[in-house]
Amino acid sequence: MTAITQNKNEKVEIFIDLMNVETSVGRDIVDYNCLVKCLAKGRQITVIRAYDQIKESNPEQKRLHADLKREKVRIIVPRGSCGNSHKQIGVDVQLATDVVTSALRSSCDTILIVSGDGDFIPVIDSVKASGKKIEFAAFSGFANMSLIDETDYFTYLDDLPICKEVEA
């Protein structure tokens, strides 16, 4: 892992695994606008995508998606479904496919993935082979150590002021 650059002209694309984040701290806890700003560190954000499954009966999820869309976040819902409401189908595969495609086609300098899943290690190799930098961010309890070792830069989300104030 290398030190992060503070080049304000650097272009960053951000890819967020919503279920990974929401499983880590609970639903409706994270201020995603603040999360994105903290992770960008003053660099130019060119794309923000959030990946999730639609659960038709979940009003909190619908509200989250609406809030993210207002912040110019593109919501990606992979095709497919699963009877287990705690599993998502195709999210990691869609996210990985989009990251590799972006690394090959985009003019961005850095790709930043908000997820701690260790199955993204092959994606790191593809992004680096394209000449781009790759960063990850996740909560400490949900960060795969092999992922941390392979990425150019890793941010522990626990260290950022991104959680909303919880009312008592």
Protein backbone atom coordinates (compact mmCIF):
# COMPACT_ATOMS: atom_id res chain seq x y z
CA MET A 1 0.00 0.00 0.00
CA THR A 2 1.33 3.42 -0.96
CA ALA A 3 0.62 6.89 0.36
CA ILE A 4 -2.33 8.72 -1.15
CA THR A 5 -1.59 11.66 -3.40
CA GLN A 6 -3.18 15.01 -2.73
CA ASN A 7 -3.30 16.07 -6.37
CA LYS A 8 -6.43 18.22 -6.67
CA ASN A 9 -6.45 17.65 -10.46
CA GLU A 10 -6.73 13.90 -9.99
CA LYS A 11 -9.99 12.40 -11.27
CA VAL A 12 -11.65 9.81 -9.04
CA GLU A 13 -14.50 7.41 -9.75
CA ILE A 14 -16.27 6.03 -6.67
CA PHE A 15 -18.09 2.69 -6.55
CA ILE A 16 -20.11 1.89 -3.39
CA ASP A 17 -21.39 -1.53 -2.32
CA LEU A 18 -24.39 -0.31 -0.33
CA MET A 19 -25.17 -3.62 1.35
CA ASN A 20 -21.56 -3.94 2.52
CA VAL A 21 -21.75 -0.50 4.14
CA GLU A 22 -25.26 -0.91 5.53
CA THR A 23 -24.43 -4.35 6.98
CA SER A 24 -21.38 -2.88 8.69
CA VAL A 25 -23.15 -0.14 10.67
CA GLY A 26 -26.87 -0.52 10.13
CA ARG A 27 -29.34 1.03 7.75
CA ASP A 28 -29.73 4.79 7.52
CA ILE A 29 -26.64 5.52 9.62
CA VAL A 30 -24.14 6.70 7.00
CA ASP A 31 -24.16 10.21 5.54
CA TYR A 32 -23.15 9.26 1.99
CA ASN A 33 -22.60 12.86 0.90
CA CYS A 34 -20.06 13.26 3.72
CA LEU A 35 -18.57 9.84 2.94
CA VAL A 36 -17.89 10.79 -0.67
CA LYS A 37 -16.36 14.16 0.27
CA CYS A 38 -14.10 12.58 2.91
CA LEU A 39 -12.88 9.89 0.52
CA ALA A 40 -12.31 12.29 -2.37
CA LYS A 41 -9.90 14.37 -0.25
CA GLY A 42 -10.40 17.38 -2.51
CA ARG A 43 -9.89 15.45 -5.75
CA GLN A 44 -12.30 15.77 -8.66
CA ILE A 45 -15.09 13.17 -8.55
CA THR A 46 -16.21 12.21 -12.05
CA VAL A 47 -18.57 9.31 -11.28
CA ILE A 48 -20.33 7.97 -8.21
CA ARG A 49 -22.15 4.66 -8.47
CA ALA A 50 -23.92 2.78 -5.70
CA TYR A 51 -24.77 -0.90 -6.09
CA ASP A 52 -27.76 -2.48 -4.36
CA GLN A 53 -30.61 -4.93 -4.70
CA ILE A 54 -34.12 -3.53 -4.78
CA LYS A 55 -36.36 -4.96 -2.12
CA GLU A 56 -39.81 -3.76 -3.11
CA SER A 57 -41.18 -3.86 0.46
CA ASN A 58 -38.35 -1.88 2.07
CA PRO A 59 -39.30 1.82 2.43
CA GLU A 60 -35.94 2.70 4.06
CA GLN A 61 -34.09 1.38 1.05
CA LYS A 62 -36.33 3.31 -1.34
CA ARG A 63 -35.69 6.49 0.69
CA LEU A 64 -31.93 5.84 0.65
CA HIS A 65 -31.95 5.41 -3.13
CA ALA A 66 -33.96 8.61 -3.56
CA ASP A 67 -31.55 10.52 -1.30
CA LEU A 68 -28.54 9.21 -3.22
CA LYS A 69 -30.08 10.11 -6.58
CA ARG A 70 -30.57 13.69 -5.34
CA GLU A 71 -26.82 13.75 -4.61
CA LYS A 72 -26.11 12.72 -8.24
CA VAL A 73 -25.27 9.12 -7.29
CA ARG A 74 -26.21 6.61 -9.94
CA ILE A 75 -27.95 3.56 -8.42
CA ILE A 76 -27.05 0.27 -10.11
CA VAL A 77 -29.36 -2.68 -9.53
CA PRO A 78 -28.09 -5.90 -11.11
CA ARG A 79 -30.55 -8.22 -12.76
CA GLY A 80 -31.48 -11.34 -10.82
CA SER A 81 -33.11 -12.03 -7.52
CA CYS A 82 -32.70 -14.13 -4.42
CA GLY A 83 -35.28 -15.48 -1.97
CA ASN A 84 -32.94 -14.74 0.94
CA SER A 85 -33.46 -11.08 1.84
CA HIS A 86 -30.01 -10.91 3.48
CA LYS A 87 -28.19 -11.87 0.28
CA GLN A 88 -27.62 -9.87 -2.82
CA ILE A 89 -27.31 -11.44 -6.23
CA GLY A 90 -24.95 -10.00 -8.81
CA VAL A 91 -23.94 -6.86 -6.95
CA ASP A 92 -20.25 -7.75 -6.56
CA VAL A 93 -20.07 -9.11 -10.10
CA GLN A 94 -21.72 -5.99 -11.58
CA LEU A 95 -19.53 -3.69 -9.48
CA ALA A 96 -16.37 -5.59 -10.50
CA THR A 97 -17.37 -5.56 -14.18
CA ASP A 98 -18.07 -1.83 -14.10
CA VAL A 99 -14.78 -1.09 -12.30
CA VAL A 100 -12.69 -3.04 -14.82
CA THR A 101 -14.57 -1.50 -17.75
CA SER A 102 -14.07 1.95 -16.29
CA ALA A 103 -10.38 1.31 -15.69
CA LEU A 104 -9.96 0.42 -19.35
CA ARG A 105 -12.17 3.13 -20.89
CA SER A 106 -12.26 6.08 -18.52
CA SER A 107 -9.90 9.01 -18.27
CA CYS A 108 -9.98 8.83 -14.46
CA ASP A 109 -6.75 8.51 -12.48
CA THR A 110 -8.07 6.56 -9.50
CA ILE A 111 -10.85 4.11 -8.83
CA LEU A 112 -12.15 3.97 -5.28
CA ILE A 113 -14.31 1.07 -4.09
CA VAL A 114 -16.27 1.28 -0.86
CA SER A 115 -16.34 -2.37 0.22
CA GLY A 116 -14.13 -4.67 2.23
CA ASP A 117 -14.88 -7.86 0.30
CA GLY A 118 -11.80 -9.95 -0.42
CA ASP A 119 -13.25 -11.20 -3.70
CA PHE A 120 -12.25 -7.86 -5.29
CA ILE A 121 -8.54 -8.81 -5.28
CA PRO A 122 -8.57 -9.86 -8.98
CA VAL A 123 -10.16 -6.47 -9.76
CA ILE A 124 -7.18 -4.74 -8.13
CA ASP A 125 -4.82 -6.52 -10.52
CA SER A 126 -6.90 -5.49 -13.56
CA VAL A 127 -7.11 -1.86 -12.48
CA LYS A 128 -3.37 -1.66 -11.79
CA ALA A 129 -2.64 -3.30 -15.17
CA SER A 130 -4.65 -0.50 -16.82
CA GLY A 131 -2.29 2.07 -15.27
CA LYS A 132 -4.82 3.42 -12.79
CA LYS A 133 -4.56 3.61 -9.02
CA ILE A 134 -7.06 1.74 -6.89
CA GLU A 135 -8.24 2.58 -3.40
CA PHE A 136 -10.63 0.85 -1.03
CA ALA A 137 -12.57 1.98 2.01
CA ALA A 138 -14.45 -0.13 4.55
CA PHE A 139 -15.28 -0.40 8.21
CA SER A 140 -12.56 -2.23 10.16
CA GLY A 141 -14.68 -5.24 11.08
CA PHE A 142 -15.56 -5.80 7.43
CA ALA A 143 -12.17 -5.28 5.76
CA ASN A 144 -10.40 -8.28 4.27
CA MET A 145 -6.70 -8.11 5.23
CA SER A 146 -5.52 -9.45 1.85
CA LEU A 147 -7.46 -6.68 0.14
CA ILE A 148 -5.80 -4.08 2.35
CA ASP A 149 -2.35 -5.43 1.45
CA GLU A 150 -3.00 -5.35 -2.31
CA THR A 151 -4.66 -1.95 -2.77
CA ASP A 152 -2.79 1.30 -3.43
CA TYR A 153 -4.50 2.98 -0.48
CA PHE A 154 -7.01 1.86 2.12
CA THR A 155 -9.24 4.03 4.31
CA TYR A 156 -10.92 2.77 7.46
CA LEU A 157 -14.39 4.28 7.45
CA ASP A 158 -14.43 4.07 11.27
CA ASP A 159 -11.94 6.98 11.25
CA LEU A 160 -14.20 9.31 9.22
CA PRO A 161 -17.02 11.53 10.55
CA ILE A 162 -19.60 9.92 8.27
CA CYS A 163 -22.19 8.53 10.67
CA LYS A 164 -25.36 10.52 11.23
CA GLU A 165 -26.23 11.60 14.74
CA VAL A 166 -28.53 8.99 16.23
CA GLU A 167 -31.48 10.43 18.10
CA ALA A 168 -32.11 9.00 21.56
